[in-house]
Amino acid sequence: MPKKKPEYRLPFSGLEDGVHGFEFAIGQDFMELFPDTDVLFAPRVHVDVELVKNDRLMEMDFRFKGVARSFCDRCLQEVEFPVEAEEKVVARISSDAAEVAEEDGFWAVPEKDSSLDLAPYFHEMLVLSRPMQLFCPENEEGGPTCDPGMLAFYEPQERGESRPEADPRWAALAGLKGKMDD
């Protein structure tokens, strides 16, 4: 049975070689560790970690599953989005202090360390799980359920306002581009 960890550290120094399971729960208390993050909030994410430990090498399989909240890119209402990801990371215990740099999917861990702080990695995975464009869900007719007051800002012609005309300099540049293509 996996061990439940209230913190976001993975202790590896006292573990026997072999397979070990860990579970982490990411909630709003986790987001308080990163006060500068305003892209998402109120996560309810469960992380399963399977650690295969060898003498100087560790393979970790991370599975993230849950939900988080962010703001709609159209109307700024709160929107919930799913967080589902699987990642594999290989960590090598290194005596070379200069090799402690991280690469995608590969970590070099200083020999003096006895545990891994996974909080920055979890934070990165949460932020990257937010869709590039996040909108309120659609209604039965396929239209947005966004705040109508905010949507009104996107439709200036309906309020009797006209859109500004295109700058004539851009038209001249488009003409030059047409001549270059010929």
Protein backbone atom coordinates (compact mmCIF):
# COMPACT_ATOMS: atom_id res chain seq x y z
CA MET A 1 0.00 0.00 0.00
CA PRO A 2 1.39 3.45 -0.93
CA LYS A 3 2.49 5.83 1.82
CA LYS A 4 0.47 9.04 2.26
CA LYS A 5 2.69 12.12 2.51
CA PRO A 6 1.34 15.41 3.88
CA GLU A 7 4.43 17.17 2.57
CA TYR A 8 5.75 17.29 -0.95
CA ARG A 9 9.10 15.61 -0.30
CA LEU A 10 10.00 12.14 -1.47
CA PRO A 11 12.52 10.52 0.89
CA PHE A 12 14.75 8.08 -0.96
CA SER A 13 17.89 7.60 1.14
CA GLY A 14 16.48 5.00 3.54
CA LEU A 15 14.60 3.01 0.91
CA GLU A 16 15.67 -0.44 -0.20
CA ASP A 17 16.30 -1.01 -3.90
CA GLY A 18 13.05 -1.92 -5.64
CA VAL A 19 9.58 -0.51 -6.28
CA HIS A 20 7.94 1.92 -3.85
CA GLY A 21 4.62 3.78 -4.06
CA PHE A 22 3.79 7.25 -2.78
CA GLU A 23 0.65 9.37 -2.84
CA PHE A 24 0.36 13.14 -2.63
CA ALA A 25 -2.74 15.33 -2.36
CA ILE A 26 -2.55 18.78 -3.87
CA GLY A 27 -5.04 21.31 -2.51
CA GLN A 28 -5.33 25.02 -1.88
CA ASP A 29 -2.71 24.76 0.89
CA PHE A 30 -0.25 23.69 -1.81
CA MET A 31 -0.95 26.85 -3.83
CA GLU A 32 -0.04 28.94 -0.79
CA LEU A 33 3.55 27.75 -1.31
CA PHE A 34 3.51 29.68 -4.63
CA PRO A 35 1.89 33.05 -3.84
CA ASP A 36 2.93 34.57 -7.18
CA THR A 37 0.83 32.10 -9.16
CA ASP A 38 -2.43 33.64 -10.27
CA VAL A 39 -3.07 31.36 -13.26
CA LEU A 40 -4.89 28.72 -11.26
CA PHE A 41 -6.31 28.09 -7.84
CA ALA A 42 -8.33 25.59 -5.78
CA PRO A 43 -6.72 22.43 -7.14
CA ARG A 44 -7.99 19.06 -6.02
CA VAL A 45 -5.39 16.79 -7.55
CA HIS A 46 -4.18 13.36 -6.51
CA VAL A 47 -0.65 12.36 -7.50
CA ASP A 48 0.50 8.74 -7.55
CA VAL A 49 4.24 8.19 -7.71
CA GLU A 50 5.84 4.86 -8.45
CA LEU A 51 9.52 4.94 -7.59
CA VAL A 52 11.90 2.26 -8.85
CA LYS A 53 15.09 2.73 -6.85
CA ASN A 54 18.47 1.29 -7.73
CA ASP A 55 21.87 2.05 -6.25
CA ARG A 56 22.44 5.43 -7.97
CA LEU A 57 19.41 5.68 -10.24
CA MET A 58 15.72 6.30 -9.59
CA GLU A 59 12.89 6.02 -12.11
CA MET A 60 9.68 7.79 -11.14
CA ASP A 61 6.31 7.48 -12.83
CA PHE A 62 3.98 10.36 -11.92
CA ARG A 63 0.21 10.18 -12.48
CA PHE A 64 -1.79 13.37 -11.88
CA LYS A 65 -5.60 13.20 -11.73
CA GLY A 66 -8.06 15.80 -10.52
CA VAL A 67 -9.39 19.28 -11.22
CA ALA A 68 -8.27 22.87 -10.75
CA ARG A 69 -9.88 26.25 -11.31
CA SER A 70 -8.80 29.24 -13.35
CA PHE A 71 -10.42 32.21 -15.05
CA CYS A 72 -12.27 32.12 -18.36
CA ASP A 73 -10.16 33.84 -21.02
CA ARG A 74 -13.29 35.49 -22.42
CA CYS A 75 -15.31 36.74 -19.42
CA LEU A 76 -13.06 36.17 -16.37
CA GLN A 77 -15.54 33.89 -14.56
CA GLU A 78 -14.14 30.96 -12.61
CA VAL A 79 -13.92 27.77 -14.68
CA GLU A 80 -12.99 24.27 -13.57
CA PHE A 81 -10.72 22.21 -15.82
CA PRO A 82 -9.43 18.64 -15.59
CA VAL A 83 -5.86 17.86 -14.60
CA GLU A 84 -4.70 14.55 -16.05
CA ALA A 85 -1.09 13.85 -16.86
CA GLU A 86 1.46 11.07 -16.78
CA GLU A 87 5.18 11.75 -16.72
CA LYS A 88 8.29 9.65 -16.31
CA VAL A 89 11.39 11.15 -14.72
CA VAL A 90 14.78 9.54 -14.25
CA ALA A 91 16.95 10.85 -11.43
CA ARG A 92 20.61 10.00 -11.04
CA ILE A 93 22.51 10.54 -7.82
CA SER A 94 25.56 12.57 -8.77
CA SER A 95 28.74 13.43 -6.90
CA ASP A 96 29.54 16.15 -9.45
CA ALA A 97 28.10 19.42 -8.08
CA ALA A 98 28.14 21.01 -11.55
CA GLU A 99 25.83 18.32 -12.93
CA VAL A 100 22.83 19.25 -10.78
CA ALA A 101 21.08 20.89 -13.74
CA GLU A 102 17.68 19.55 -14.82
CA GLU A 103 16.70 18.46 -18.28
CA ASP A 104 13.33 17.25 -19.53
CA GLY A 105 12.70 13.90 -17.96
CA PHE A 106 16.13 13.74 -16.30
CA TRP A 107 17.22 15.06 -12.92
CA ALA A 108 20.69 15.02 -11.39
CA VAL A 109 20.43 14.82 -7.60
CA PRO A 110 23.36 15.85 -5.37
CA GLU A 111 24.83 12.95 -3.43
CA LYS A 112 24.34 14.75 -0.11
CA ASP A 113 20.51 14.95 -0.58
CA SER A 114 18.31 12.40 1.14
CA SER A 115 14.97 13.42 -0.37
CA LEU A 116 13.52 15.15 -3.40
CA ASP A 117 11.42 18.30 -3.06
CA LEU A 118 8.63 17.63 -5.55
CA ALA A 119 6.67 20.85 -4.88
CA PRO A 120 8.26 22.86 -7.74
CA TYR A 121 7.70 19.96 -10.14
CA PHE A 122 4.07 19.54 -9.05
CA HIS A 123 3.52 23.29 -9.47
CA GLU A 124 4.99 23.21 -12.97
CA MET A 125 2.76 20.28 -13.94
CA LEU A 126 -0.35 22.05 -12.63
CA VAL A 127 0.41 25.25 -14.50
CA LEU A 128 1.16 23.34 -17.70
CA SER A 129 -2.08 21.38 -17.40
CA ARG A 130 -4.15 24.55 -17.86
CA PRO A 131 -5.44 24.64 -21.43
CA MET A 132 -3.98 27.32 -23.70
CA GLN A 133 -7.47 28.76 -24.06
CA LEU A 134 -9.94 28.19 -21.26
CA PHE A 135 -13.55 29.20 -21.78
CA CYS A 136 -16.81 28.72 -19.91
CA PRO A 137 -18.66 25.57 -20.99
CA GLU A 138 -21.12 25.80 -23.87
CA ASN A 139 -24.88 25.68 -23.34
CA GLU A 140 -27.27 23.23 -25.06
CA GLU A 141 -27.35 25.35 -28.24
CA GLY A 142 -23.55 25.46 -28.45
CA GLY A 143 -23.28 29.08 -27.32
CA PRO A 144 -21.08 30.37 -24.53
CA THR A 145 -22.29 30.51 -20.92
CA CYS A 146 -20.01 33.47 -20.26
CA ASP A 147 -21.09 36.57 -18.38
CA PRO A 148 -23.34 38.50 -20.86
CA GLY A 149 -22.09 41.83 -19.53
CA MET A 150 -18.52 40.90 -20.45
CA LEU A 151 -19.53 39.47 -23.82
CA ALA A 152 -21.07 42.84 -24.70
CA PHE A 153 -17.57 44.31 -24.80
CA TYR A 154 -16.70 41.98 -27.68
CA GLU A 155 -19.57 43.20 -29.87
CA PRO A 156 -19.12 46.96 -30.39
CA GLN A 157 -21.19 47.01 -33.61
CA GLU A 158 -24.32 45.85 -31.78
CA ARG A 159 -24.09 48.86 -29.46
CA GLY A 160 -23.97 51.26 -32.38
CA GLU A 161 -20.21 51.71 -32.25
CA SER A 162 -18.10 51.22 -35.31
CA ARG A 163 -14.83 49.40 -35.46
CA PRO A 164 -11.81 51.53 -36.31
CA GLU A 165 -10.77 51.40 -39.94
CA ALA A 166 -7.60 49.60 -40.86
CA ASP A 167 -4.49 51.76 -40.95
CA PRO A 168 -3.76 52.60 -44.63
CA ARG A 169 -0.04 51.97 -44.05
CA TRP A 170 -0.80 48.27 -43.56
CA ALA A 171 -2.62 48.21 -46.91
CA ALA A 172 0.47 49.67 -48.58
CA LEU A 173 2.66 46.99 -46.99
CA ALA A 174 0.24 44.27 -48.11
CA GLY A 175 0.55 45.64 -51.66
CA LEU A 176 4.34 45.39 -51.46
CA LYS A 177 4.09 41.82 -50.27
CA GLY A 178 1.87 41.01 -53.25
CA LYS A 179 4.49 42.42 -55.63
CA MET A 180 7.24 40.35 -53.98
CA ASP A 181 5.22 37.15 -54.46
CA ASP A 182 4.93 37.77 -58.22
